[in-house]
Protein backbone atom coordinates (compact mmCIF):
# COMPACT_ATOMS: atom_id res chain seq x y z
CA MET A 1 56.41 163.71 -20.69
CA VAL A 2 53.03 162.47 -20.54
CA GLN A 3 50.36 164.48 -18.72
CA SER A 4 49.35 163.56 -15.83
CA ILE A 5 46.00 161.81 -15.55
CA LYS A 6 44.47 159.65 -12.64
CA THR A 7 44.37 156.34 -13.81
CA ILE A 8 42.23 152.93 -13.09
CA ASP A 9 44.02 149.80 -13.92
CA ALA A 10 40.88 147.68 -14.86
CA HIS A 11 42.68 144.41 -15.29
CA HIS A 12 45.18 142.96 -13.03
CA HIS A 13 45.63 139.96 -10.95
CA ILE A 14 46.93 139.23 -7.40
CA TRP A 15 47.65 135.56 -5.93
CA ARG A 16 48.76 133.47 -3.76
CA LEU A 17 50.62 130.07 -5.50
CA ALA A 18 49.04 127.63 -2.77
CA ASP A 19 45.50 128.52 -4.16
CA LEU A 20 46.50 128.26 -8.21
CA THR A 21 47.13 124.93 -9.19
CA TRP A 22 48.06 126.32 -12.89
CA LEU A 23 50.85 127.71 -10.87
CA ASN A 24 51.21 124.87 -8.41
CA GLY A 25 51.64 122.11 -10.89
CA PRO A 26 54.05 121.64 -13.79
CA GLU A 27 54.36 124.26 -16.26
CA VAL A 28 52.34 123.60 -19.11
CA PRO A 29 51.98 125.08 -22.53
CA ARG A 30 49.90 128.48 -22.00
CA ILE A 31 48.75 131.17 -24.15
CA PHE A 32 51.43 134.06 -22.83
CA GLY A 33 54.15 131.32 -23.21
CA PRO A 34 56.58 129.97 -20.52
CA TYR A 35 55.70 131.55 -17.17
CA GLY A 36 58.32 130.34 -14.66
CA PRO A 37 59.39 134.11 -13.36
CA ILE A 38 55.61 134.41 -12.28
CA ARG A 39 55.20 131.04 -10.40
CA ARG A 40 55.06 132.68 -7.36
CA ASP A 41 53.14 134.98 -5.22
CA TYR A 42 52.40 138.24 -6.28
CA PRO A 43 50.91 140.45 -3.24
CA ILE A 44 48.93 143.67 -3.41
CA GLU A 45 52.41 145.06 -1.91
CA GLU A 46 54.14 144.23 -5.22
CA PHE A 47 51.84 145.30 -7.33
CA ARG A 48 51.41 148.67 -5.90
CA LYS A 49 54.81 149.28 -6.03
CA ASP A 50 55.21 148.60 -10.06
CA LEU A 51 52.58 151.23 -9.97
CA GLU A 52 54.66 153.72 -8.78
CA SER A 53 55.30 157.30 -10.56
CA CYS A 54 52.27 156.04 -13.10
CA ASP A 55 49.12 157.92 -11.72
CA VAL A 56 47.12 154.68 -10.92
CA VAL A 57 44.59 155.56 -7.90
CA LYS A 58 42.64 152.63 -8.16
CA SER A 59 42.59 148.98 -9.55
CA ILE A 60 40.08 146.19 -10.27
CA TYR A 61 40.88 142.73 -9.95
CA VAL A 62 39.60 139.55 -12.26
CA GLN A 63 39.40 136.05 -11.07
CA THR A 64 42.43 133.81 -11.57
CA ASN A 65 40.58 130.55 -12.04
CA TRP A 66 41.22 128.72 -8.37
CA PRO A 67 40.98 125.09 -8.02
CA PRO A 68 37.09 123.58 -8.36
CA ASP A 69 34.37 125.11 -6.07
CA GLY A 70 37.23 128.36 -5.09
CA GLU A 71 35.32 131.07 -6.72
CA LEU A 72 33.75 131.91 -3.27
CA THR A 73 37.01 131.58 -1.43
CA GLU A 74 38.66 133.70 -3.99
CA ALA A 75 36.30 136.62 -3.73
CA ARG A 76 36.42 136.61 -0.08
CA TRP A 77 39.93 136.91 -0.01
CA VAL A 78 40.12 139.38 -2.36
CA GLN A 79 37.90 141.31 -0.17
CA SER A 80 40.05 140.59 2.78
CA VAL A 81 42.96 142.15 1.00
CA SER A 82 41.20 145.26 -0.04
CA ASP A 83 39.46 145.43 3.72
CA ALA A 84 43.19 145.37 4.64
CA THR A 85 44.90 147.89 2.49
CA GLY A 86 42.41 149.63 0.64
CA TRP A 87 43.65 147.79 -2.95
CA PRO A 88 41.94 146.79 -5.40
CA HIS A 89 38.71 148.57 -5.21
CA ALA A 90 36.60 145.99 -7.11
CA CYS A 91 36.37 142.33 -7.95
CA VAL A 92 35.50 140.60 -10.96
CA ALA A 93 34.55 137.14 -9.65
CA TYR A 94 34.38 133.76 -11.50
CA ALA A 95 30.45 131.77 -11.85
CA ASP A 96 29.53 129.06 -14.40
CA LEU A 97 26.50 130.53 -15.62
CA SER A 98 25.40 127.05 -16.32
CA SER A 99 25.77 125.64 -12.79
CA PRO A 100 22.33 124.37 -10.80
CA SER A 101 23.78 126.30 -7.86
CA LEU A 102 24.27 129.80 -9.61
CA ASP A 103 21.54 131.69 -7.32
CA ALA A 104 23.20 130.34 -4.14
CA LEU A 105 26.91 131.39 -5.46
CA LEU A 106 25.33 134.64 -6.91
CA ASP A 107 23.94 135.37 -3.55
CA GLN A 108 26.83 134.75 -1.72
CA LEU A 109 28.98 136.89 -4.18
CA GLY A 110 26.70 139.37 -3.79
CA ALA A 111 27.12 139.86 -0.07
CA ILE A 112 31.04 140.75 -0.91
CA PRO A 113 31.14 144.46 -1.05
CA GLY A 114 33.73 144.61 -3.87
CA VAL A 115 32.44 142.25 -6.24
CA LYS A 116 31.45 143.76 -9.13
CA GLY A 117 30.99 141.65 -12.24
CA ILE A 118 31.83 137.90 -13.13
CA ARG A 119 34.15 136.27 -15.89
CA GLN A 120 33.67 133.11 -17.16
CA GLN A 121 36.40 132.28 -20.05
CA LEU A 122 34.48 131.47 -22.94
CA HIS A 123 37.51 131.73 -25.49
CA TRP A 124 37.94 129.10 -27.85
CA HIS A 125 40.43 128.71 -30.83
CA ASP A 126 41.77 125.94 -33.38
CA ASN A 127 45.02 126.24 -31.83
CA PRO A 128 44.50 123.81 -28.43
CA GLN A 129 47.24 126.25 -26.68
CA TYR A 130 45.08 129.08 -26.92
CA ARG A 131 41.54 127.38 -26.17
CA PHE A 132 39.95 127.68 -22.73
CA ALA A 133 36.34 126.68 -23.10
CA SER A 134 35.24 123.47 -23.90
CA ARG A 135 33.66 124.40 -26.85
CA PRO A 136 33.56 127.79 -29.04
CA ASP A 137 29.58 128.02 -28.32
CA VAL A 138 28.85 127.50 -24.77
CA MET A 139 27.23 131.03 -24.70
CA ASN A 140 24.22 129.76 -26.74
CA ASP A 141 23.48 127.24 -24.62
CA ALA A 142 19.65 127.97 -23.34
CA ALA A 143 20.81 126.72 -19.78
CA TRP A 144 23.82 129.12 -19.59
CA ARG A 145 21.46 132.02 -20.93
CA GLN A 146 19.43 131.37 -18.14
CA GLY A 147 22.12 132.07 -15.90
CA MET A 148 23.30 135.19 -17.69
CA SER A 149 19.67 136.45 -16.67
CA LYS A 150 20.73 136.46 -13.21
CA LEU A 151 23.36 138.66 -13.65
CA ALA A 152 21.04 141.28 -15.20
CA ASP A 153 18.65 141.18 -12.34
CA ARG A 154 21.63 141.47 -9.93
CA GLY A 155 23.44 144.51 -12.15
CA LEU A 156 26.89 142.45 -12.26
CA VAL A 157 28.94 143.21 -15.41
CA PHE A 158 30.17 140.18 -17.85
CA GLU A 159 33.33 140.36 -18.68
CA LEU A 160 33.16 138.33 -22.70
CA GLN A 161 36.60 136.85 -23.38
CA VAL A 162 36.17 135.65 -27.03
CA PHE A 163 38.18 135.54 -30.11
CA ALA A 164 37.15 137.01 -33.52
CA GLY A 165 35.62 133.91 -34.90
CA GLN A 166 33.21 133.95 -31.41
CA MET A 167 32.52 137.83 -31.79
CA LYS A 168 29.10 137.12 -34.14
CA ASP A 169 27.86 135.15 -31.35
CA GLY A 170 28.87 137.62 -28.98
CA ALA A 171 27.32 140.45 -30.13
CA ALA A 172 23.92 138.07 -30.80
CA LEU A 173 24.64 137.64 -26.82
CA ALA A 174 24.89 141.26 -25.65
CA ARG A 175 21.77 141.95 -28.01
CA ALA A 176 19.68 139.34 -26.12
CA PHE A 177 20.44 141.02 -22.70
CA PRO A 178 20.40 144.57 -23.07
CA ASN A 179 20.52 145.23 -19.41
CA VAL A 180 23.89 143.57 -18.68
CA ASN A 181 27.14 145.53 -19.07
CA PHE A 182 29.52 143.52 -21.30
CA VAL A 183 33.18 144.25 -20.94
CA LEU A 184 35.19 142.46 -23.77
CA GLU A 185 38.79 141.25 -22.61
CA HIS A 186 41.73 142.26 -24.03
CA ALA A 187 40.42 143.97 -27.22
CA GLY A 188 39.16 141.09 -28.49
CA MET A 189 42.54 139.39 -28.50
CA LEU A 190 43.92 139.68 -31.83
CA GLU A 191 46.24 136.44 -32.26
CA ASP A 192 46.32 136.46 -35.85
CA MET A 193 48.15 139.56 -37.40
CA THR A 194 47.99 138.54 -40.95
CA PRO A 195 45.97 140.86 -42.98
CA ALA A 196 43.27 138.09 -43.02
CA GLY A 197 43.65 138.21 -39.19
CA TRP A 198 43.13 141.70 -39.06
CA SER A 199 40.20 141.64 -41.17
CA ALA A 200 38.30 139.02 -39.31
CA TRP A 201 39.08 140.91 -36.19
CA ARG A 202 37.69 144.25 -37.64
CA ASP A 203 34.62 142.49 -38.79
CA GLY A 204 33.86 140.87 -35.37
CA MET A 205 34.93 144.10 -33.26
CA LYS A 206 32.29 146.35 -35.54
CA LEU A 207 29.69 143.88 -34.74
CA LEU A 208 30.03 143.93 -31.01
CA ALA A 209 31.06 147.76 -31.18
CA ALA A 210 27.73 148.10 -32.74
CA GLU A 211 25.95 146.84 -29.60
CA PRO A 212 25.96 150.19 -27.22
CA ASN A 213 26.06 147.65 -23.72
CA VAL A 214 29.48 146.14 -24.91
CA SER A 215 32.68 148.27 -23.57
CA THR A 216 36.30 147.08 -24.28
CA LYS A 217 39.20 146.43 -22.37
CA LEU A 218 42.35 147.72 -23.74
CA SER A 219 44.64 144.95 -22.16
CA GLY A 220 46.63 142.11 -22.34
CA LEU A 221 47.93 143.24 -26.10
CA GLY A 222 51.45 141.70 -25.64
CA THR A 223 50.15 138.25 -24.74
CA PHE A 224 50.51 136.56 -28.51
CA VAL A 225 53.82 138.54 -29.37
CA HIS A 226 55.22 138.16 -25.83
CA ALA A 227 56.17 141.78 -25.92
CA TYR A 228 54.94 145.22 -25.37
CA ARG A 229 56.11 146.99 -28.24
CA SER A 230 54.41 150.20 -29.53
CA ASP A 231 54.42 148.88 -32.99
CA VAL A 232 51.66 145.93 -32.22
CA VAL A 233 49.75 147.56 -29.34
CA SER A 234 49.25 150.94 -30.97
CA PRO A 235 47.39 150.00 -34.00
CA ILE A 236 45.18 148.01 -32.01
CA ILE A 237 44.36 150.34 -29.66
CA ARG A 238 43.64 153.10 -32.37
CA GLU A 239 41.12 150.90 -34.31
CA THR A 240 39.41 149.91 -31.05
CA VAL A 241 39.34 153.16 -29.97
CA ALA A 242 37.91 154.51 -32.97
CA MET A 243 35.31 151.37 -33.31
CA PHE A 244 34.15 151.62 -29.91
CA GLY A 245 34.96 155.45 -28.51
CA ALA A 246 36.87 156.28 -25.80
CA ASP A 247 33.88 156.14 -23.59
CA ARG A 248 33.79 152.61 -24.01
CA CYS A 249 37.27 151.54 -23.78
CA MET A 250 39.30 151.36 -20.80
CA TYR A 251 43.14 150.56 -19.76
CA GLY A 252 44.00 147.73 -17.92
CA SER A 253 47.47 146.27 -17.36
CA ASN A 254 47.29 142.36 -17.31
CA PHE A 255 49.75 142.18 -14.65
CA PRO A 256 51.60 140.16 -13.54
CA ILE A 257 51.26 138.28 -17.03
CA GLU A 258 52.83 140.95 -18.69
CA LYS A 259 55.66 141.17 -16.12
CA LEU A 260 57.04 138.28 -18.23
CA TRP A 261 58.15 140.97 -20.86
CA THR A 262 57.94 144.25 -19.41
CA ASP A 263 57.61 146.26 -16.27
CA TYR A 264 55.14 148.39 -15.64
CA ARG A 265 55.88 151.86 -16.19
CA SER A 266 57.32 150.72 -19.49
CA LEU A 267 53.96 149.35 -20.53
CA TYR A 268 51.89 152.47 -18.97
CA LEU A 269 54.43 154.97 -21.18
CA THR A 270 53.95 152.83 -24.07
CA PHE A 271 49.99 153.01 -23.96
CA ARG A 272 50.01 156.81 -23.06
CA GLU A 273 52.38 157.48 -26.22
CA ALA A 274 49.41 155.11 -28.11
CA ILE A 275 46.43 157.31 -27.11
CA ALA A 276 48.62 160.77 -27.03
CA HIS A 277 47.04 161.53 -30.14
CA LEU A 278 43.26 161.69 -28.65
CA SER A 279 41.78 164.97 -26.75
CA LEU A 280 42.45 165.24 -22.76
CA THR A 281 38.60 164.08 -22.41
CA GLU A 282 39.19 161.07 -24.39
CA GLN A 283 42.38 160.27 -22.69
CA THR A 284 40.78 160.64 -19.55
CA ALA A 285 38.15 158.63 -20.26
CA ILE A 286 40.06 155.29 -21.30
CA LEU A 287 42.21 155.73 -18.54
CA HIS A 288 39.55 156.54 -15.70
CA ASP A 289 36.19 157.57 -16.46
CA THR A 290 34.79 154.44 -18.28
CA ALA A 291 36.31 152.03 -15.41
CA ALA A 292 34.90 153.91 -12.64
CA ARG A 293 31.41 154.17 -14.40
CA ILE A 294 31.09 150.76 -15.35
CA TYR A 295 32.36 149.06 -12.43
CA ARG A 296 31.02 151.56 -9.58
CA ILE A 297 34.00 152.71 -8.25
């Protein structure tokens, strides 16, 4: 029996099938494998039902790559769901930081109460199935970094999604923008669990953890094994918390992606077991306080 602690789910998605081209079109290989069971609407009502008996009191929606130029429509739709139901409590929207129209978009997003941050997925990998960005070093472009400065001006969080090979550049980016809160997605996406892969991940994570404005989300930990197993997720969680400290780590479910291989309660209880060795104060930080502070909810 785990002790009841109020929890914030800092990473989930709700969606409408009609607005997501990657769900509407033919199924293509994805980082999380075959996704037929979630090629459908995932409304907030279903998400909240998934949360039953898991002590989750708030949640943060993360963008889902709507069709081009749909980022404002997406954020406004999420806000409409929040206005109608009270959930989710914050939104991380999409913006291309190199776009010439970035100022106008950020002004419009800034008028939406729930928008607290931006995600532009930068992860690049030798394996094309794991690749999202066009190249590994987008974050080093001068025009893109100029866009980052505009996030700092507006107090927006930036969700940093990179693989181990990009972490050195990610740490340099965080160092260059000390007034931006960076949230590393999915604890650095450890996809290579060989000794060499673990070593590269540890080296990169230590560089990121050395930057005080970088926190990390303990989410998406079943992505590369297509299962949420204690033997896989517990070592990642333990090492990440040891490097970053509990006050810079936060829980996230990555639902409904992880719904492909588990149910919410099983995921939540497995996560709780993985942090059970920590003090109550540390567990509370990971489950609630870190996310509440960073996303201001």
